[in-house]
Each structure stands twice: as C-alpha cells, then as structure tokens.
Amino acid sequence: MTGDYAGSPDDWTTSAIGDPVACWDPATQAPREVWQEIGLDLDTATTTIGGIAPPREFALYGGQLTTWMYSVTVWSQLYTVEDFRRKERTPFTMVPIAGPPAYHYTPAGDTTGDHRTIIFPTSYGSCSIQVIRQSTRAPATPAREAIRIATILVPVLPK
C-alpha cells in the first residue's frame, strides 16, 4: 500500500474484516533462515510502522536488506486481492512464480518507480511483499527484487 494503511471505511470492502487471529504473522511464522536467505538485516527488522503497531487487520515484518539498497516489508492482511485492486486503481499483472497465483503492481502513489508490490491471495485475505529501492545504485529493479524475494517466501506463505 502507499502509506494510507487504514484508509477511510468507504475505501475498503467489509468482506475481510474479522478476527485478527486469522492473519498469518510473518514475523513469527516465517523461519529466521528464510529472512537470512532473503538478505534481511535482522537488526533493522520490525513489526511496526514508525514504532506504531499496524491496524488490527494487518500484520507485518520488514526492514532493510543487508545491501541497504532495498527495504522489504511482508504484509499479511484480512483484505483480498480484489480489495487492493479497488483501492489502488492501478494495473495488476500475473507474476510467474511457482505456488499460489501472484500479482505485481506499482502502488498508485509511487511517482519514481522505486516501489513494487507482489500480492498473493490467502484463505483469510492476502499476503504482500513490498519492495522499495533505497539507492539509485541498486543492481536490480524493485520488480526483479520483489520476484527474487517472493520466490524464497512462497514455501512458507499461508494457503
């Protein structure tokens, strides 16, 4: 998403709002080895947004990659892929990753091309991987980096 995590009630459907326990927790349910393979600098990893817990419909885990070229945040949310399509109003394209159907998009608020999100449907809503390029010297596009990370995460994502 683009930083407007809750939005107004009219921006989201109410189809996914429910028990926050149903949300997969990437911080505790993805093994440490997965985060290390991704290259997450565990000293920067957090479950908050600027020190504030996300709204109850979301769980997150992310931080800087060890190269400091990208940041990555993995979101688990009670909102569906369709909810995000309506909210973002931007093209969603299928991504060829083994596992569940995956779609990538550039968040509507990204004017620099530095953001890329890959989203997967789940039984309770969706999971998404948000990659933000932090350096113009980054060797890969945010889309390519998001696909690399998604390929590593797919085996531990909820169904």
C-alpha atoms as a PDB file:
ATOM      1  CA  MET A   1       0.000   0.000   0.000  1.00  0.00           C
ATOM      2  CA  THR A   2       1.149   3.553  -0.222  1.00  0.00           C
ATOM      3  CA  GLY A   3       1.249   4.516   3.436  1.00  0.00           C
ATOM      4  CA  ASP A   4      -2.515   5.007   3.915  1.00  0.00           C
ATOM      5  CA  TYR A   5      -2.868   1.732   5.765  1.00  0.00           C
ATOM      6  CA  ALA A   6      -6.357   2.096   7.170  1.00  0.00           C
ATOM      7  CA  GLY A   7      -7.945   4.418   4.623  1.00  0.00           C
ATOM      8  CA  SER A   8     -11.484   5.543   5.153  1.00  0.00           C
ATOM      9  CA  PRO A   9     -14.164   2.938   5.766  1.00  0.00           C
ATOM     10  CA  ASP A  10     -15.537   3.609   2.293  1.00  0.00           C
ATOM     11  CA  ASP A  11     -12.187   2.762   0.660  1.00  0.00           C
ATOM     12  CA  TRP A  12     -12.296  -0.885   1.713  1.00  0.00           C
ATOM     13  CA  THR A  13     -14.954  -3.515   1.496  1.00  0.00           C
ATOM     14  CA  THR A  14     -16.017  -5.093   4.741  1.00  0.00           C
ATOM     15  CA  SER A  15     -15.715  -8.607   3.321  1.00  0.00           C
ATOM     16  CA  ALA A  16     -12.407  -9.336   5.010  1.00  0.00           C
ATOM     17  CA  ILE A  17     -12.746  -7.579   8.355  1.00  0.00           C
ATOM     18  CA  GLY A  18     -12.769 -10.212  11.020  1.00  0.00           C
ATOM     19  CA  ASP A  19     -10.775 -11.885  13.709  1.00  0.00           C
ATOM     20  CA  PRO A  20      -7.177 -10.582  13.723  1.00  0.00           C
ATOM     21  CA  VAL A  21      -6.003 -14.006  14.893  1.00  0.00           C
ATOM     22  CA  ALA A  22      -6.783 -15.281  11.382  1.00  0.00           C
ATOM     23  CA  CYS A  23      -3.926 -13.178   9.975  1.00  0.00           C
ATOM     24  CA  TRP A  24      -0.670 -15.051   9.313  1.00  0.00           C
ATOM     25  CA  ASP A  25       2.207 -13.394  11.203  1.00  0.00           C
ATOM     26  CA  PRO A  26       5.309 -13.106   9.003  1.00  0.00           C
ATOM     27  CA  ALA A  27       7.481 -12.154  11.998  1.00  0.00           C
ATOM     28  CA  THR A  28       6.828 -15.384  13.877  1.00  0.00           C
ATOM     29  CA  GLN A  29       5.663 -17.827  11.220  1.00  0.00           C
ATOM     30  CA  ALA A  30       8.409 -17.411   8.624  1.00  0.00           C
ATOM     31  CA  PRO A  31      11.620 -19.059   9.869  1.00  0.00           C
ATOM     32  CA  ARG A  32      14.671 -16.928  10.632  1.00  0.00           C
ATOM     33  CA  GLU A  33      16.564 -18.844   7.924  1.00  0.00           C
ATOM     34  CA  VAL A  34      14.116 -17.554   5.306  1.00  0.00           C
ATOM     35  CA  TRP A  35      14.760 -13.946   6.337  1.00  0.00           C
ATOM     36  CA  GLN A  36      18.506 -14.588   6.236  1.00  0.00           C
ATOM     37  CA  GLU A  37      18.245 -16.100   2.743  1.00  0.00           C
ATOM     38  CA  ILE A  38      16.282 -13.043   1.614  1.00  0.00           C
ATOM     39  CA  GLY A  39      19.090 -10.889   2.986  1.00  0.00           C
ATOM     40  CA  LEU A  40      17.065  -9.028   5.612  1.00  0.00           C
ATOM     41  CA  ASP A  41      19.281  -7.185   8.093  1.00  0.00           C
ATOM     42  CA  LEU A  42      17.667  -8.622  11.223  1.00  0.00           C
ATOM     43  CA  ASP A  43      18.909  -5.653  13.275  1.00  0.00           C
ATOM     44  CA  THR A  44      16.548  -3.433  11.248  1.00  0.00           C
ATOM     45  CA  ALA A  45      13.579  -5.832  11.278  1.00  0.00           C
ATOM     46  CA  THR A  46      10.364  -4.545  12.807  1.00  0.00           C
ATOM     47  CA  THR A  47       6.684  -5.350  13.180  1.00  0.00           C
ATOM     48  CA  THR A  48       5.652  -1.701  13.426  1.00  0.00           C
ATOM     49  CA  ILE A  49       5.267   1.353  11.214  1.00  0.00           C
ATOM     50  CA  GLY A  50       7.462   4.052  12.719  1.00  0.00           C
ATOM     51  CA  GLY A  51       7.110   2.400  16.122  1.00  0.00           C
ATOM     52  CA  ILE A  52       3.319   2.139  15.907  1.00  0.00           C
ATOM     53  CA  ALA A  53       1.522  -1.198  15.598  1.00  0.00           C
ATOM     54  CA  PRO A  54      -0.413  -1.613  12.340  1.00  0.00           C
ATOM     55  CA  PRO A  55      -4.220  -1.658  12.359  1.00  0.00           C
ATOM     56  CA  ARG A  56      -5.722  -4.935  13.552  1.00  0.00           C
ATOM     57  CA  GLU A  57      -6.469  -6.085  10.002  1.00  0.00           C
ATOM     58  CA  PHE A  58      -2.736  -6.291   9.224  1.00  0.00           C
ATOM     59  CA  ALA A  59       0.452  -7.993  10.417  1.00  0.00           C
ATOM     60  CA  LEU A  60       3.848  -7.048   9.029  1.00  0.00           C
ATOM     61  CA  TYR A  61       7.542  -7.762   9.226  1.00  0.00           C
ATOM     62  CA  GLY A  62      10.289  -5.987   7.377  1.00  0.00           C
ATOM     63  CA  GLY A  63      13.408  -3.890   7.330  1.00  0.00           C
ATOM     64  CA  GLN A  64      16.458  -3.106   5.226  1.00  0.00           C
ATOM     65  CA  LEU A  65      18.248  -5.718   3.179  1.00  0.00           C
ATOM     66  CA  THR A  66      21.879  -6.192   4.171  1.00  0.00           C
ATOM     67  CA  THR A  67      22.966  -4.381   1.000  1.00  0.00           C
ATOM     68  CA  TRP A  68      20.969  -1.312   2.131  1.00  0.00           C
ATOM     69  CA  MET A  69      19.851  -0.991  -1.500  1.00  0.00           C
ATOM     70  CA  TYR A  70      16.241  -2.040  -0.776  1.00  0.00           C
ATOM     71  CA  SER A  71      13.775  -2.243   2.054  1.00  0.00           C
ATOM     72  CA  VAL A  72      11.269  -5.078   2.186  1.00  0.00           C
ATOM     73  CA  THR A  73       8.058  -5.430   4.149  1.00  0.00           C
ATOM     74  CA  VAL A  74       5.951  -8.562   4.141  1.00  0.00           C
ATOM     75  CA  TRP A  75       2.321  -7.848   4.933  1.00  0.00           C
ATOM     76  CA  SER A  76      -0.428 -10.222   5.925  1.00  0.00           C
ATOM     77  CA  GLN A  77      -3.874  -8.696   5.772  1.00  0.00           C
ATOM     78  CA  LEU A  78      -7.526  -9.572   6.037  1.00  0.00           C
ATOM     79  CA  TYR A  79      -8.181  -7.691   2.777  1.00  0.00           C
ATOM     80  CA  THR A  80      -8.374  -9.591  -0.516  1.00  0.00           C
ATOM     81  CA  VAL A  81      -6.512  -9.060  -3.769  1.00  0.00           C
ATOM     82  CA  GLU A  82      -9.748  -7.585  -5.159  1.00  0.00           C
ATOM     83  CA  ASP A  83      -9.900  -5.121  -2.259  1.00  0.00           C
ATOM     84  CA  PHE A  84      -6.402  -3.938  -3.208  1.00  0.00           C
ATOM     85  CA  ARG A  85      -7.317  -3.692  -6.888  1.00  0.00           C
ATOM     86  CA  ARG A  86     -10.194  -1.376  -5.994  1.00  0.00           C
ATOM     87  CA  LYS A  87      -8.113   0.648  -3.520  1.00  0.00           C
ATOM     88  CA  GLU A  88      -5.010   1.087  -5.688  1.00  0.00           C
ATOM     89  CA  ARG A  89      -6.741   1.620  -9.060  1.00  0.00           C
ATOM     90  CA  THR A  90      -3.595   0.563 -10.896  1.00  0.00           C
ATOM     91  CA  PRO A  91      -2.843  -2.393 -13.210  1.00  0.00           C
ATOM     92  CA  PHE A  92      -2.185  -5.777 -11.577  1.00  0.00           C
ATOM     93  CA  THR A  93      -0.166  -8.276 -13.638  1.00  0.00           C
ATOM     94  CA  MET A  94       0.297 -12.017 -13.034  1.00  0.00           C
ATOM     95  CA  VAL A  95       3.798 -12.951 -11.881  1.00  0.00           C
ATOM     96  CA  PRO A  96       5.250 -16.309 -12.961  1.00  0.00           C
ATOM     97  CA  ILE A  97       6.142 -17.685  -9.525  1.00  0.00           C
ATOM     98  CA  ALA A  98       5.586 -21.318  -8.529  1.00  0.00           C
ATOM     99  CA  GLY A  99       2.866 -21.585  -5.922  1.00  0.00           C
ATOM    100  CA  PRO A 100      -0.292 -19.572  -5.408  1.00  0.00           C
ATOM    101  CA  PRO A 101      -1.388 -17.033  -8.036  1.00  0.00           C
ATOM    102  CA  ALA A 102       0.706 -13.898  -7.618  1.00  0.00           C
ATOM    103  CA  TYR A 103       0.157 -10.401  -8.980  1.00  0.00           C
ATOM    104  CA  HIS A 104       2.512  -7.464  -9.014  1.00  0.00           C
ATOM    105  CA  TYR A 105       1.722  -3.792  -9.168  1.00  0.00           C
ATOM    106  CA  THR A 106       3.276  -0.416  -8.627  1.00  0.00           C
ATOM    107  CA  PRO A 107       1.353   1.376  -5.875  1.00  0.00           C
ATOM    108  CA  ALA A 108      -0.664   4.306  -7.223  1.00  0.00           C
ATOM    109  CA  GLY A 109       1.269   6.801  -5.089  1.00  0.00           C
ATOM    110  CA  ASP A 110       4.685   5.784  -6.473  1.00  0.00           C
ATOM    111  CA  THR A 111       5.864   8.538  -8.801  1.00  0.00           C
ATOM    112  CA  THR A 112       9.521   7.420  -9.007  1.00  0.00           C
ATOM    113  CA  GLY A 113       9.245   3.741  -9.947  1.00  0.00           C
ATOM    114  CA  ASP A 114      11.005   2.759  -6.725  1.00  0.00           C
ATOM    115  CA  HIS A 115       8.145   0.689  -5.253  1.00  0.00           C
ATOM    116  CA  ARG A 116       6.848  -2.729  -6.256  1.00  0.00           C
ATOM    117  CA  THR A 117       4.345  -4.957  -4.510  1.00  0.00           C
ATOM    118  CA  ILE A 118       3.592  -8.618  -5.139  1.00  0.00           C
ATOM    119  CA  ILE A 119       0.333  -9.863  -3.641  1.00  0.00           C
ATOM    120  CA  PHE A 120      -0.928 -13.417  -3.097  1.00  0.00           C
ATOM    121  CA  PRO A 121      -4.474 -14.463  -2.203  1.00  0.00           C
ATOM    122  CA  THR A 122      -4.890 -16.470   1.017  1.00  0.00           C
ATOM    123  CA  SER A 123      -7.818 -18.199   2.667  1.00  0.00           C
ATOM    124  CA  TYR A 124      -8.251 -15.217   5.040  1.00  0.00           C
ATOM    125  CA  GLY A 125      -7.365 -12.297   2.709  1.00  0.00           C
ATOM    126  CA  SER A 126      -3.903 -11.815   1.214  1.00  0.00           C
ATOM    127  CA  CYS A 127      -0.160 -11.539   1.774  1.00  0.00           C
ATOM    128  CA  SER A 128       2.002  -8.992   0.022  1.00  0.00           C
ATOM    129  CA  ILE A 129       5.672  -8.291  -0.398  1.00  0.00           C
ATOM    130  CA  GLN A 130       6.521  -4.612  -0.706  1.00  0.00           C
ATOM    131  CA  VAL A 131       9.971  -3.696  -2.016  1.00  0.00           C
ATOM    132  CA  ILE A 132      11.257  -0.131  -2.066  1.00  0.00           C
ATOM    133  CA  ARG A 133      14.505   0.744  -3.830  1.00  0.00           C
ATOM    134  CA  GLN A 134      16.622   2.832  -1.443  1.00  0.00           C
ATOM    135  CA  SER A 135      19.552   3.545  -3.761  1.00  0.00           C
ATOM    136  CA  THR A 136      19.894   4.549  -7.387  1.00  0.00           C
ATOM    137  CA  ARG A 137      22.901   2.190  -7.445  1.00  0.00           C
ATOM    138  CA  ALA A 138      20.670  -0.827  -6.762  1.00  0.00           C
ATOM    139  CA  PRO A 139      21.596  -3.560  -9.246  1.00  0.00           C
ATOM    140  CA  ALA A 140      18.027  -4.730  -9.926  1.00  0.00           C
ATOM    141  CA  THR A 141      14.662  -3.077 -10.399  1.00  0.00           C
ATOM    142  CA  PRO A 142      12.230  -3.238  -7.476  1.00  0.00           C
ATOM    143  CA  ALA A 143      10.111  -5.652  -9.559  1.00  0.00           C
ATOM    144  CA  ARG A 144      13.012  -8.051 -10.072  1.00  0.00           C
ATOM    145  CA  GLU A 145      13.986  -7.849  -6.388  1.00  0.00           C
ATOM    146  CA  ALA A 146      10.373  -8.463  -5.312  1.00  0.00           C
ATOM    147  CA  ILE A 147      10.226 -11.580  -7.514  1.00  0.00           C
ATOM    148  CA  ARG A 148      13.508 -12.851  -6.027  1.00  0.00           C
ATOM    149  CA  ILE A 149      12.144 -12.381  -2.501  1.00  0.00           C
ATOM    150  CA  ALA A 150       8.744 -13.875  -3.362  1.00  0.00           C
ATOM    151  CA  THR A 151      10.403 -16.998  -4.756  1.00  0.00           C
ATOM    152  CA  ILE A 152      12.103 -17.542  -1.386  1.00  0.00           C
ATOM    153  CA  LEU A 153       8.960 -16.774   0.653  1.00  0.00           C
ATOM    154  CA  VAL A 154       6.393 -18.808  -1.313  1.00  0.00           C
ATOM    155  CA  PRO A 155       7.087 -22.099   0.522  1.00  0.00           C
ATOM    156  CA  VAL A 156       6.242 -20.525   3.914  1.00  0.00           C
ATOM    157  CA  LEU A 157       3.290 -18.371   2.843  1.00  0.00           C
ATOM    158  CA  PRO A 158      -0.137 -19.428   4.098  1.00  0.00           C
ATOM    159  CA  LYS A 159      -2.518 -21.050   1.671  1.00  0.00           C
END
